[in-house]
Amino acid sequence: GSLMNIIAKIVATLKYIEQVNWCVSKGTQ
């Protein structure tokens, strides 16, 4: 139960970081 919650939080965080990095790279071009 709690392990799935932790994994879900990690996945959500990685997706958020990936989205931010994509926006930053788009902004610099």
N, C-alpha and C. Protein backbone atom coordinates (compact mmCIF):
# COMPACT_ATOMS: atom_id res chain seq x y z
N GLY A 1 0.83 -1.21 0.00
CA GLY A 1 0.00 0.00 0.00
C GLY A 1 0.86 1.25 0.00
N SER A 2 1.64 1.43 1.05
CA SER A 2 2.46 2.66 1.16
C SER A 2 3.55 2.68 0.10
N LEU A 3 4.04 1.49 -0.29
CA LEU A 3 5.09 1.44 -1.30
C LEU A 3 4.57 1.98 -2.63
N MET A 4 3.34 1.63 -2.97
CA MET A 4 2.74 2.12 -4.22
C MET A 4 2.59 3.62 -4.17
N ASN A 5 2.24 4.16 -3.00
CA ASN A 5 2.10 5.62 -2.86
C ASN A 5 3.44 6.31 -3.08
N ILE A 6 4.50 5.72 -2.53
CA ILE A 6 5.83 6.29 -2.69
C ILE A 6 6.24 6.27 -4.16
N ILE A 7 6.00 5.13 -4.83
CA ILE A 7 6.35 5.02 -6.25
C ILE A 7 5.56 6.03 -7.06
N ALA A 8 4.28 6.19 -6.75
CA ALA A 8 3.44 7.15 -7.48
C ALA A 8 3.97 8.56 -7.31
N LYS A 9 4.42 8.89 -6.10
CA LYS A 9 4.97 10.24 -5.85
C LYS A 9 6.26 10.44 -6.63
N ILE A 10 7.10 9.41 -6.67
CA ILE A 10 8.36 9.52 -7.40
C ILE A 10 8.09 9.71 -8.88
N VAL A 11 7.17 8.93 -9.44
CA VAL A 11 6.84 9.04 -10.86
C VAL A 11 6.29 10.42 -11.17
N ALA A 12 5.40 10.92 -10.31
CA ALA A 12 4.81 12.24 -10.53
C ALA A 12 5.89 13.31 -10.47
N THR A 13 6.83 13.17 -9.55
CA THR A 13 7.91 14.15 -9.43
C THR A 13 8.81 14.13 -10.66
N LEU A 14 9.14 12.92 -11.13
CA LEU A 14 9.99 12.82 -12.32
C LEU A 14 9.32 13.42 -13.53
N LYS A 15 8.01 13.19 -13.68
CA LYS A 15 7.27 13.76 -14.81
C LYS A 15 7.25 15.27 -14.72
N TYR A 16 7.09 15.79 -13.48
CA TYR A 16 7.08 17.24 -13.28
C TYR A 16 8.43 17.85 -13.66
N ILE A 17 9.50 17.22 -13.20
CA ILE A 17 10.85 17.71 -13.51
C ILE A 17 11.10 17.66 -15.01
N GLU A 18 10.66 16.57 -15.65
CA GLU A 18 10.85 16.42 -17.09
C GLU A 18 10.12 17.53 -17.84
N GLN A 19 8.91 17.85 -17.36
CA GLN A 19 8.13 18.90 -18.00
C GLN A 19 8.80 20.26 -17.83
N VAL A 20 9.32 20.52 -16.64
CA VAL A 20 10.00 21.79 -16.37
C VAL A 20 11.25 21.92 -17.24
N ASN A 21 12.03 20.83 -17.31
CA ASN A 21 13.25 20.86 -18.12
C ASN A 21 12.91 21.09 -19.58
N TRP A 22 11.81 20.50 -20.06
CA TRP A 22 11.40 20.68 -21.45
C TRP A 22 11.03 22.13 -21.71
N CYS A 23 10.30 22.72 -20.78
CA CYS A 23 9.90 24.12 -20.92
C CYS A 23 11.14 25.02 -20.91
N VAL A 24 12.09 24.73 -20.05
CA VAL A 24 13.31 25.54 -19.96
C VAL A 24 14.11 25.44 -21.25
N SER A 25 14.24 24.22 -21.77
CA SER A 25 15.02 24.04 -23.00
C SER A 25 14.31 24.71 -24.17
N LYS A 26 13.00 24.71 -24.17
CA LYS A 26 12.24 25.38 -25.22
C LYS A 26 12.43 26.89 -25.11
N GLY A 27 12.49 27.39 -23.88
CA GLY A 27 12.61 28.83 -23.68
C GLY A 27 13.98 29.37 -24.07
N THR A 28 15.01 28.52 -23.99
CA THR A 28 16.36 29.00 -24.28
C THR A 28 16.62 29.03 -25.77
N GLN A 29 15.81 28.36 -26.56
CA GLN A 29 16.04 28.31 -28.00
C GLN A 29 15.36 29.46 -28.72
